[in-house]
C-alpha atoms as a PDB file:
ATOM      1  CA  UNK A   1       0.035   0.044   0.000  1.00  0.00           C
ATOM      2  CA  UNK A   2       1.335   3.488  -0.797  1.00  0.00           C
ATOM      3  CA  UNK A   3       0.852   6.743   0.932  1.00  0.00           C
ATOM      4  CA  UNK A   4       2.085  10.342   0.528  1.00  0.00           C
ATOM      5  CA  UNK A   5       5.601  10.865   1.808  1.00  0.00           C
ATOM      6  CA  UNK A   6       8.317  13.640   1.719  1.00  0.00           C
ATOM      7  CA  UNK A   7      11.532  13.100  -0.121  1.00  0.00           C
ATOM      8  CA  UNK A   8      14.425  15.328   1.307  1.00  0.00           C
ATOM      9  CA  UNK A   9      17.770  15.747  -0.402  1.00  0.00           C
ATOM     10  CA  UNK A  10      20.591  17.588   1.363  1.00  0.00           C
ATOM     11  CA  UNK A  11      23.483  18.740  -0.939  1.00  0.00           C
ATOM     12  CA  UNK A  12      26.530  19.125   1.206  1.00  0.00           C
ATOM     13  CA  UNK A  13      29.781  20.369  -0.357  1.00  0.00           C
ATOM     14  CA  UNK A  14      32.951  18.537   0.599  1.00  0.00           C
ATOM     15  CA  UNK A  15      35.424  21.494   0.313  1.00  0.00           C
ATOM     16  CA  UNK A  16      36.240  23.203   3.668  1.00  0.00           C
ATOM     17  CA  UNK A  17      34.831  26.775   3.498  1.00  0.00           C
ATOM     18  CA  UNK A  18      37.964  28.235   4.937  1.00  0.00           C
ATOM     19  CA  UNK A  19      40.831  26.428   3.365  1.00  0.00           C
ATOM     20  CA  UNK A  20      38.854  25.643   0.162  1.00  0.00           C
ATOM     21  CA  UNK A  21      40.578  22.207   0.165  1.00  0.00           C
ATOM     22  CA  UNK A  22      38.867  18.813  -0.200  1.00  0.00           C
ATOM     23  CA  UNK A  23      37.751  17.529   3.098  1.00  0.00           C
ATOM     24  CA  UNK A  24      35.470  14.740   1.856  1.00  0.00           C
ATOM     25  CA  UNK A  25      36.713  12.055   4.181  1.00  0.00           C
ATOM     26  CA  UNK A  26      35.704  13.998   7.281  1.00  0.00           C
ATOM     27  CA  UNK A  27      32.646  15.371   5.679  1.00  0.00           C
ATOM     28  CA  UNK A  28      31.311  11.920   4.736  1.00  0.00           C
ATOM     29  CA  UNK A  29      32.209  10.471   8.173  1.00  0.00           C
ATOM     30  CA  UNK A  30      30.401  13.303  10.024  1.00  0.00           C
ATOM     31  CA  UNK A  31      27.327  13.339   7.708  1.00  0.00           C
ATOM     32  CA  UNK A  32      26.867   9.573   7.803  1.00  0.00           C
ATOM     33  CA  UNK A  33      27.095   9.497  11.636  1.00  0.00           C
ATOM     34  CA  UNK A  34      24.722  12.545  12.053  1.00  0.00           C
ATOM     35  CA  UNK A  35      21.996  11.142   9.732  1.00  0.00           C
ATOM     36  CA  UNK A  36      22.212   7.597  11.392  1.00  0.00           C
ATOM     37  CA  UNK A  37      22.092   8.990  14.907  1.00  0.00           C
ATOM     38  CA  UNK A  38      19.278  11.547  14.079  1.00  0.00           C
ATOM     39  CA  UNK A  39      17.075   9.627  11.684  1.00  0.00           C
ATOM     40  CA  UNK A  40      18.200   6.041  11.908  1.00  0.00           C
ATOM     41  CA  UNK A  41      18.825   5.630   8.200  1.00  0.00           C
ATOM     42  CA  UNK A  42      19.878   7.429   5.100  1.00  0.00           C
ATOM     43  CA  UNK A  43      20.743   7.005   1.394  1.00  0.00           C
ATOM     44  CA  UNK A  44      23.920   8.690   0.171  1.00  0.00           C
ATOM     45  CA  UNK A  45      25.469   9.580  -3.058  1.00  0.00           C
ATOM     46  CA  UNK A  46      28.895  11.371  -3.792  1.00  0.00           C
ATOM     47  CA  UNK A  47      28.797  13.520  -6.895  1.00  0.00           C
ATOM     48  CA  UNK A  48      31.381  15.670  -8.632  1.00  0.00           C
ATOM     49  CA  UNK A  49      30.367  19.150  -9.638  1.00  0.00           C
ATOM     50  CA  UNK A  50      31.232  22.833  -9.989  1.00  0.00           C
ATOM     51  CA  UNK A  51      29.585  26.289  -9.250  1.00  0.00           C
ATOM     52  CA  UNK A  52      30.425  29.913  -9.583  1.00  0.00           C
ATOM     53  CA  UNK A  53      31.025  31.467  -6.169  1.00  0.00           C
ATOM     54  CA  UNK A  54      29.631  34.913  -5.343  1.00  0.00           C
ATOM     55  CA  UNK A  55      33.042  36.455  -6.085  1.00  0.00           C
ATOM     56  CA  UNK A  56      32.928  34.721  -9.607  1.00  0.00           C
ATOM     57  CA  UNK A  57      35.517  32.132  -8.635  1.00  0.00           C
ATOM     58  CA  UNK A  58      34.686  28.776 -10.234  1.00  0.00           C
ATOM     59  CA  UNK A  59      34.777  26.089  -7.675  1.00  0.00           C
ATOM     60  CA  UNK A  60      34.966  22.302  -8.364  1.00  0.00           C
ATOM     61  CA  UNK A  61      34.204  19.957  -5.507  1.00  0.00           C
ATOM     62  CA  UNK A  62      32.603  16.684  -4.475  1.00  0.00           C
ATOM     63  CA  UNK A  63      29.113  16.960  -3.151  1.00  0.00           C
ATOM     64  CA  UNK A  64      27.521  14.539  -0.653  1.00  0.00           C
ATOM     65  CA  UNK A  65      23.814  14.101  -1.302  1.00  0.00           C
ATOM     66  CA  UNK A  66      21.928  12.612   1.577  1.00  0.00           C
ATOM     67  CA  UNK A  67      18.348  11.514   0.894  1.00  0.00           C
ATOM     68  CA  UNK A  68      15.589  10.782   3.417  1.00  0.00           C
ATOM     69  CA  UNK A  69      12.065   9.624   2.591  1.00  0.00           C
ATOM     70  CA  UNK A  70       9.749  10.307   5.443  1.00  0.00           C
ATOM     71  CA  UNK A  71       6.097   9.926   6.351  1.00  0.00           C
ATOM     72  CA  UNK A  72       5.988  13.355   7.968  1.00  0.00           C
ATOM     73  CA  UNK A  73       7.250  16.826   6.982  1.00  0.00           C
ATOM     74  CA  UNK A  74      10.401  18.088   8.686  1.00  0.00           C
ATOM     75  CA  UNK A  75       9.707  21.341  10.370  1.00  0.00           C
ATOM     76  CA  UNK A  76      13.184  21.846  11.744  1.00  0.00           C
ATOM     77  CA  UNK A  77      15.235  22.097   8.496  1.00  0.00           C
ATOM     78  CA  UNK A  78      16.990  25.288   9.641  1.00  0.00           C
ATOM     79  CA  UNK A  79      18.267  23.591  12.703  1.00  0.00           C
ATOM     80  CA  UNK A  80      19.307  20.456  10.668  1.00  0.00           C
ATOM     81  CA  UNK A  81      21.141  22.586   8.222  1.00  0.00           C
ATOM     82  CA  UNK A  82      22.841  24.682  10.924  1.00  0.00           C
ATOM     83  CA  UNK A  83      24.084  21.498  12.538  1.00  0.00           C
ATOM     84  CA  UNK A  84      25.305  20.191   9.193  1.00  0.00           C
ATOM     85  CA  UNK A  85      27.092  23.447   8.264  1.00  0.00           C
ATOM     86  CA  UNK A  86      28.910  23.398  11.685  1.00  0.00           C
ATOM     87  CA  UNK A  87      29.906  19.682  11.334  1.00  0.00           C
ATOM     88  CA  UNK A  88      31.139  20.120   7.841  1.00  0.00           C
ATOM     89  CA  UNK A  89      32.357  23.704   7.922  1.00  0.00           C
ATOM     90  CA  UNK A  90      30.069  24.802   5.051  1.00  0.00           C
ATOM     91  CA  UNK A  91      28.639  28.192   4.071  1.00  0.00           C
ATOM     92  CA  UNK A  92      25.351  26.739   3.004  1.00  0.00           C
ATOM     93  CA  UNK A  93      23.374  23.463   2.489  1.00  0.00           C
ATOM     94  CA  UNK A  94      20.946  23.111  -0.430  1.00  0.00           C
ATOM     95  CA  UNK A  95      17.846  21.145   0.543  1.00  0.00           C
ATOM     96  CA  UNK A  96      15.177  20.015  -1.960  1.00  0.00           C
ATOM     97  CA  UNK A  97      11.777  18.688  -0.899  1.00  0.00           C
ATOM     98  CA  UNK A  98       9.409  16.718  -3.025  1.00  0.00           C
ATOM     99  CA  UNK A  99       6.061  15.171  -2.099  1.00  0.00           C
ATOM    100  CA  UNK A 100       6.041  11.602  -3.503  1.00  0.00           C
ATOM    101  CA  UNK A 101       3.741   8.566  -3.222  1.00  0.00           C
ATOM    102  CA  UNK A 102       5.451   5.432  -2.152  1.00  0.00           C
ATOM    103  CA  UNK A 103       5.621   2.415   0.133  1.00  0.00           C
ATOM    104  CA  UNK A 104       7.455  -0.754   1.043  1.00  0.00           C
ATOM    105  CA  UNK A 105       6.362  -3.849  -0.753  1.00  0.00           C
END
């Protein structure tokens, strides 16, 4: 049986915001521990990408994408992102939310 659920994706850069160097080993360790401790599960992907920073500098980095599919809406996204930014030394975290229909079969 299916029901409406919320699919959350958290896009977390792996470069340290201060040194600008790859810190993916520590970021992946911190993020996996946080999601497992906080939610009890997660799905993770590591991607390679690039973006243009506000000062027009082009930055390439690995991005950790953590995905959660939940029955209920998360109302504390700002707190979750503040914690992730501190754990991973990031300026910002991109979060997308999609309402989906799904279930376990």
